[in-house]
Amino acid sequence: MEEKLTRQDAIKGLRQEIQNIKRCQEMAGEEFGTEEIEHFRRPLSIEEEQVKKILLSWGGGEDGYKLTFKDDELLRGVYYMANWGEYAEVELSEEELSLIQSVYLYK
């Protein structure tokens, strides 16, 4: 049985990556390219996505939807709530995505 990744796993991974990038910067100087540095991880790709935010309320609390698109294709969406430093989101199902898109982003 596989263990699920946790937020702590992601934080640990981020810290390690930042440490590696800083080490690479120190090692590189002006004479070396990043391809010559052992810990540098060359990205597999750099991709752009567009997020459309549908704001339903704001002020003392905020909620709405965030829909993520790539090349005009809807990839995913979340319903979110935020209030004074707190934030939570719920992934939308395919059915919910379709409904939200048809209601709020009709053409």
N, C-alpha and C. Protein backbone atom coordinates (compact mmCIF):
# COMPACT_ATOMS: atom_id res chain seq x y z
N MET A 1 0.83 -1.17 0.00
CA MET A 1 0.00 0.00 0.00
C MET A 1 0.89 1.25 0.00
N GLU A 2 0.63 2.16 -0.93
CA GLU A 2 1.43 3.37 -1.05
C GLU A 2 0.99 4.40 -0.02
N GLU A 3 1.97 5.13 0.51
CA GLU A 3 1.65 6.21 1.42
C GLU A 3 1.32 7.45 0.62
N LYS A 4 0.34 8.21 1.09
CA LYS A 4 -0.03 9.45 0.43
C LYS A 4 0.96 10.54 0.81
N LEU A 5 1.22 11.41 -0.17
CA LEU A 5 2.06 12.56 0.11
C LEU A 5 1.31 13.54 1.00
N THR A 6 2.03 14.16 1.88
CA THR A 6 1.43 15.14 2.79
C THR A 6 2.01 16.52 2.52
N ARG A 7 1.39 17.51 3.11
CA ARG A 7 1.90 18.89 3.01
C ARG A 7 3.32 18.95 3.57
N GLN A 8 3.59 18.21 4.64
CA GLN A 8 4.93 18.19 5.23
C GLN A 8 5.96 17.61 4.24
N ASP A 9 5.56 16.59 3.46
CA ASP A 9 6.45 16.04 2.44
C ASP A 9 6.81 17.11 1.41
N ALA A 10 5.80 17.89 1.00
CA ALA A 10 6.03 18.95 0.02
C ALA A 10 6.93 20.04 0.58
N ILE A 11 6.72 20.41 1.84
CA ILE A 11 7.56 21.42 2.47
C ILE A 11 9.01 20.93 2.54
N LYS A 12 9.20 19.69 2.92
CA LYS A 12 10.54 19.11 2.99
C LYS A 12 11.20 19.11 1.60
N GLY A 13 10.44 18.73 0.58
CA GLY A 13 10.96 18.73 -0.79
C GLY A 13 11.34 20.13 -1.25
N LEU A 14 10.48 21.11 -0.95
CA LEU A 14 10.76 22.49 -1.33
C LEU A 14 12.04 22.98 -0.66
N ARG A 15 12.19 22.74 0.63
CA ARG A 15 13.39 23.18 1.35
C ARG A 15 14.65 22.58 0.73
N GLN A 16 14.59 21.30 0.36
CA GLN A 16 15.74 20.63 -0.25
C GLN A 16 16.06 21.26 -1.61
N GLU A 17 15.02 21.54 -2.40
CA GLU A 17 15.24 22.15 -3.72
C GLU A 17 15.85 23.55 -3.59
N ILE A 18 15.35 24.36 -2.67
CA ILE A 18 15.89 25.70 -2.47
C ILE A 18 17.35 25.62 -2.03
N GLN A 19 17.65 24.69 -1.13
CA GLN A 19 19.03 24.49 -0.68
C GLN A 19 19.93 24.11 -1.86
N ASN A 20 19.45 23.22 -2.72
CA ASN A 20 20.24 22.81 -3.89
C ASN A 20 20.46 23.98 -4.85
N ILE A 21 19.43 24.78 -5.07
CA ILE A 21 19.57 25.93 -5.99
C ILE A 21 20.59 26.91 -5.44
N LYS A 22 20.53 27.19 -4.15
CA LYS A 22 21.50 28.11 -3.54
C LYS A 22 22.91 27.56 -3.64
N ARG A 23 23.07 26.26 -3.42
CA ARG A 23 24.39 25.62 -3.55
C ARG A 23 24.90 25.74 -4.98
N CYS A 24 24.01 25.55 -5.94
CA CYS A 24 24.40 25.68 -7.35
C CYS A 24 24.85 27.10 -7.67
N GLN A 25 24.13 28.08 -7.14
CA GLN A 25 24.51 29.48 -7.37
C GLN A 25 25.91 29.75 -6.82
N GLU A 26 26.19 29.25 -5.64
CA GLU A 26 27.50 29.45 -5.03
C GLU A 26 28.59 28.77 -5.84
N MET A 27 28.33 27.57 -6.34
CA MET A 27 29.33 26.82 -7.08
C MET A 27 29.56 27.39 -8.47
N ALA A 28 28.53 27.94 -9.06
CA ALA A 28 28.59 28.35 -10.46
C ALA A 28 29.51 29.52 -10.70
N GLY A 29 29.39 30.55 -9.88
CA GLY A 29 30.16 31.74 -10.16
C GLY A 29 29.80 32.25 -11.54
N GLU A 30 30.71 32.91 -12.20
CA GLU A 30 30.44 33.44 -13.54
C GLU A 30 31.00 32.55 -14.63
N GLU A 31 31.84 31.57 -14.27
CA GLU A 31 32.56 30.80 -15.27
C GLU A 31 31.88 29.50 -15.68
N PHE A 32 30.93 29.02 -14.89
CA PHE A 32 30.33 27.72 -15.15
C PHE A 32 28.86 27.85 -15.51
N GLY A 33 28.39 26.99 -16.39
CA GLY A 33 26.97 26.91 -16.71
C GLY A 33 26.29 25.93 -15.77
N THR A 34 24.98 26.04 -15.65
CA THR A 34 24.26 25.18 -14.72
C THR A 34 24.33 23.70 -15.12
N GLU A 35 24.60 23.43 -16.41
CA GLU A 35 24.65 22.03 -16.84
C GLU A 35 25.85 21.30 -16.23
N GLU A 36 26.82 22.06 -15.68
CA GLU A 36 28.01 21.45 -15.12
C GLU A 36 27.92 21.25 -13.61
N ILE A 37 26.79 21.58 -13.01
CA ILE A 37 26.66 21.51 -11.56
C ILE A 37 25.82 20.29 -11.18
N GLU A 38 26.35 19.49 -10.29
CA GLU A 38 25.77 18.20 -9.93
C GLU A 38 24.33 18.29 -9.41
N HIS A 39 24.02 19.23 -8.55
CA HIS A 39 22.72 19.24 -7.90
C HIS A 39 21.66 20.05 -8.66
N PHE A 40 22.04 20.65 -9.77
CA PHE A 40 21.06 21.46 -10.51
C PHE A 40 20.10 20.54 -11.25
N ARG A 41 18.81 20.76 -11.07
CA ARG A 41 17.79 19.96 -11.75
C ARG A 41 17.22 20.79 -12.90
N ARG A 42 17.59 20.42 -14.11
CA ARG A 42 17.06 21.11 -15.28
C ARG A 42 15.59 20.74 -15.42
N PRO A 43 14.71 21.74 -15.58
CA PRO A 43 13.28 21.44 -15.68
C PRO A 43 12.96 20.63 -16.93
N LEU A 44 11.99 19.76 -16.80
CA LEU A 44 11.53 18.99 -17.96
C LEU A 44 10.74 19.88 -18.91
N SER A 45 10.04 20.86 -18.35
CA SER A 45 9.31 21.83 -19.16
C SER A 45 8.94 23.02 -18.28
N ILE A 46 8.62 24.11 -18.95
CA ILE A 46 8.09 25.29 -18.27
C ILE A 46 6.79 25.60 -19.00
N GLU A 47 5.69 25.45 -18.30
CA GLU A 47 4.38 25.55 -18.93
C GLU A 47 3.57 26.68 -18.32
N GLU A 48 2.72 27.27 -19.12
CA GLU A 48 1.83 28.30 -18.63
C GLU A 48 0.41 27.77 -18.55
N GLU A 49 -0.25 28.15 -17.46
CA GLU A 49 -1.66 27.84 -17.30
C GLU A 49 -2.35 29.15 -16.93
N GLN A 50 -3.60 29.22 -17.27
CA GLN A 50 -4.38 30.40 -16.94
C GLN A 50 -5.40 30.01 -15.89
N VAL A 51 -5.51 30.82 -14.85
CA VAL A 51 -6.50 30.60 -13.80
C VAL A 51 -7.55 31.69 -13.89
N LYS A 52 -8.79 31.28 -14.02
CA LYS A 52 -9.91 32.21 -13.99
C LYS A 52 -10.54 32.11 -12.62
N LYS A 53 -10.60 33.26 -11.94
CA LYS A 53 -11.14 33.31 -10.59
C LYS A 53 -12.56 33.89 -10.66
N ILE A 54 -13.51 33.14 -10.18
CA ILE A 54 -14.90 33.58 -10.12
C ILE A 54 -15.17 33.92 -8.66
N LEU A 55 -15.17 35.21 -8.36
CA LEU A 55 -15.31 35.70 -6.99
C LEU A 55 -16.78 35.83 -6.65
N LEU A 56 -17.22 35.12 -5.63
CA LEU A 56 -18.62 35.16 -5.21
C LEU A 56 -18.84 36.12 -4.05
N SER A 57 -17.86 36.28 -3.18
CA SER A 57 -17.97 37.23 -2.08
C SER A 57 -16.57 37.67 -1.67
N TRP A 58 -16.51 38.84 -1.04
CA TRP A 58 -15.25 39.34 -0.51
C TRP A 58 -15.54 40.26 0.66
N GLY A 59 -14.51 40.62 1.38
CA GLY A 59 -14.68 41.47 2.54
C GLY A 59 -14.23 40.73 3.78
N GLY A 60 -15.13 40.52 4.73
CA GLY A 60 -14.80 39.78 5.95
C GLY A 60 -14.47 38.34 5.66
N GLY A 61 -14.96 37.83 4.57
CA GLY A 61 -14.67 36.48 4.09
C GLY A 61 -14.77 36.50 2.58
N GLU A 62 -14.13 35.56 1.93
CA GLU A 62 -14.15 35.49 0.48
C GLU A 62 -14.40 34.06 0.08
N ASP A 63 -15.16 33.87 -0.99
CA ASP A 63 -15.29 32.53 -1.56
C ASP A 63 -15.53 32.64 -3.05
N GLY A 64 -15.31 31.52 -3.72
CA GLY A 64 -15.51 31.50 -5.16
C GLY A 64 -14.89 30.25 -5.76
N TYR A 65 -14.65 30.34 -7.05
CA TYR A 65 -14.08 29.22 -7.81
C TYR A 65 -12.80 29.67 -8.49
N LYS A 66 -11.87 28.75 -8.63
CA LYS A 66 -10.68 28.97 -9.44
C LYS A 66 -10.62 27.84 -10.45
N LEU A 67 -10.71 28.21 -11.72
CA LEU A 67 -10.68 27.24 -12.80
C LEU A 67 -9.36 27.38 -13.55
N THR A 68 -8.67 26.28 -13.77
CA THR A 68 -7.37 26.29 -14.43
C THR A 68 -7.50 25.77 -15.85
N PHE A 69 -6.98 26.57 -16.79
CA PHE A 69 -7.03 26.24 -18.22
C PHE A 69 -5.62 26.16 -18.79
N LYS A 70 -5.47 25.34 -19.80
CA LYS A 70 -4.25 25.30 -20.60
C LYS A 70 -4.69 25.18 -22.05
N ASP A 71 -4.25 26.12 -22.87
CA ASP A 71 -4.65 26.16 -24.28
C ASP A 71 -6.17 26.09 -24.42
N ASP A 72 -6.87 26.87 -23.62
CA ASP A 72 -8.34 26.97 -23.61
C ASP A 72 -9.05 25.69 -23.18
N GLU A 73 -8.32 24.70 -22.68
CA GLU A 73 -8.94 23.47 -22.19
C GLU A 73 -9.01 23.54 -20.67
N LEU A 74 -10.18 23.28 -20.11
CA LEU A 74 -10.37 23.28 -18.66
C LEU A 74 -9.71 22.04 -18.06
N LEU A 75 -8.71 22.26 -17.22
CA LEU A 75 -7.96 21.15 -16.63
C LEU A 75 -8.49 20.73 -15.26
N ARG A 76 -8.80 21.73 -14.43
CA ARG A 76 -9.24 21.44 -13.07
C ARG A 76 -9.89 22.67 -12.49
N GLY A 77 -10.52 22.50 -11.35
CA GLY A 77 -11.12 23.63 -10.68
C GLY A 77 -11.30 23.33 -9.21
N VAL A 78 -11.37 24.41 -8.44
CA VAL A 78 -11.59 24.27 -7.01
C VAL A 78 -12.62 25.31 -6.56
N TYR A 79 -13.33 24.98 -5.51
CA TYR A 79 -14.12 25.96 -4.77
C TYR A 79 -13.24 26.33 -3.59
N TYR A 80 -13.12 27.64 -3.30
CA TYR A 80 -12.25 28.04 -2.20
C TYR A 80 -12.97 29.00 -1.27
N MET A 81 -12.47 29.05 -0.04
CA MET A 81 -12.92 30.00 0.97
C MET A 81 -11.67 30.57 1.64
N ALA A 82 -11.70 31.88 1.89
CA ALA A 82 -10.57 32.53 2.56
C ALA A 82 -11.12 33.54 3.55
N ASN A 83 -10.45 33.66 4.69
CA ASN A 83 -10.90 34.61 5.70
C ASN A 83 -9.75 34.94 6.64
N TRP A 84 -9.25 36.14 6.58
CA TRP A 84 -8.23 36.65 7.49
C TRP A 84 -7.11 35.65 7.75
N GLY A 85 -6.38 35.31 6.71
CA GLY A 85 -5.22 34.44 6.85
C GLY A 85 -5.52 32.96 6.79
N GLU A 86 -6.77 32.60 6.70
CA GLU A 86 -7.14 31.19 6.58
C GLU A 86 -7.57 30.93 5.15
N TYR A 87 -7.27 29.74 4.66
CA TYR A 87 -7.61 29.40 3.28
C TYR A 87 -7.90 27.91 3.20
N ALA A 88 -8.95 27.56 2.48
CA ALA A 88 -9.27 26.15 2.24
C ALA A 88 -9.87 26.03 0.86
N GLU A 89 -9.61 24.91 0.21
CA GLU A 89 -10.20 24.67 -1.11
C GLU A 89 -10.58 23.21 -1.26
N VAL A 90 -11.56 22.99 -2.14
CA VAL A 90 -12.07 21.65 -2.41
C VAL A 90 -12.02 21.45 -3.92
N GLU A 91 -11.43 20.35 -4.34
CA GLU A 91 -11.35 20.02 -5.77
C GLU A 91 -12.75 19.73 -6.30
N LEU A 92 -13.06 20.26 -7.47
CA LEU A 92 -14.37 20.05 -8.09
C LEU A 92 -14.36 18.76 -8.90
N SER A 93 -15.48 18.04 -8.88
CA SER A 93 -15.62 16.84 -9.70
C SER A 93 -15.84 17.25 -11.15
N GLU A 94 -15.77 16.31 -12.05
CA GLU A 94 -16.01 16.60 -13.47
C GLU A 94 -17.40 17.20 -13.67
N GLU A 95 -18.39 16.64 -12.99
CA GLU A 95 -19.76 17.14 -13.10
C GLU A 95 -19.86 18.58 -12.59
N GLU A 96 -19.23 18.84 -11.45
CA GLU A 96 -19.25 20.19 -10.89
C GLU A 96 -18.52 21.18 -11.79
N LEU A 97 -17.38 20.75 -12.34
CA LEU A 97 -16.64 21.60 -13.28
C LEU A 97 -17.49 22.00 -14.47
N SER A 98 -18.15 21.02 -15.05
CA SER A 98 -19.00 21.25 -16.20
C SER A 98 -20.13 22.24 -15.87
N LEU A 99 -20.74 22.05 -14.71
CA LEU A 99 -21.81 22.93 -14.28
C LEU A 99 -21.31 24.37 -14.09
N ILE A 100 -20.22 24.53 -13.36
CA ILE A 100 -19.66 25.87 -13.10
C ILE A 100 -19.26 26.54 -14.41
N GLN A 101 -18.63 25.80 -15.29
CA GLN A 101 -18.22 26.37 -16.58
C GLN A 101 -19.43 26.81 -17.40
N SER A 102 -20.46 25.98 -17.43
CA SER A 102 -21.62 26.33 -18.25
C SER A 102 -22.41 27.51 -17.68
N VAL A 103 -22.45 27.65 -16.36
CA VAL A 103 -23.19 28.73 -15.73
C VAL A 103 -22.43 30.04 -15.77
N TYR A 104 -21.15 30.01 -15.41
CA TYR A 104 -20.40 31.25 -15.27
C TYR A 104 -19.56 31.65 -16.50
N LEU A 105 -19.20 30.70 -17.33
CA LEU A 105 -18.33 31.02 -18.46
C LEU A 105 -19.00 30.68 -19.80
N TYR A 106 -20.31 30.80 -19.85
CA TYR A 106 -21.04 30.48 -21.08
C TYR A 106 -20.61 31.44 -22.18
N LYS A 107 -20.71 30.96 -23.41
CA LYS A 107 -20.33 31.80 -24.57
C LYS A 107 -21.49 31.91 -25.51
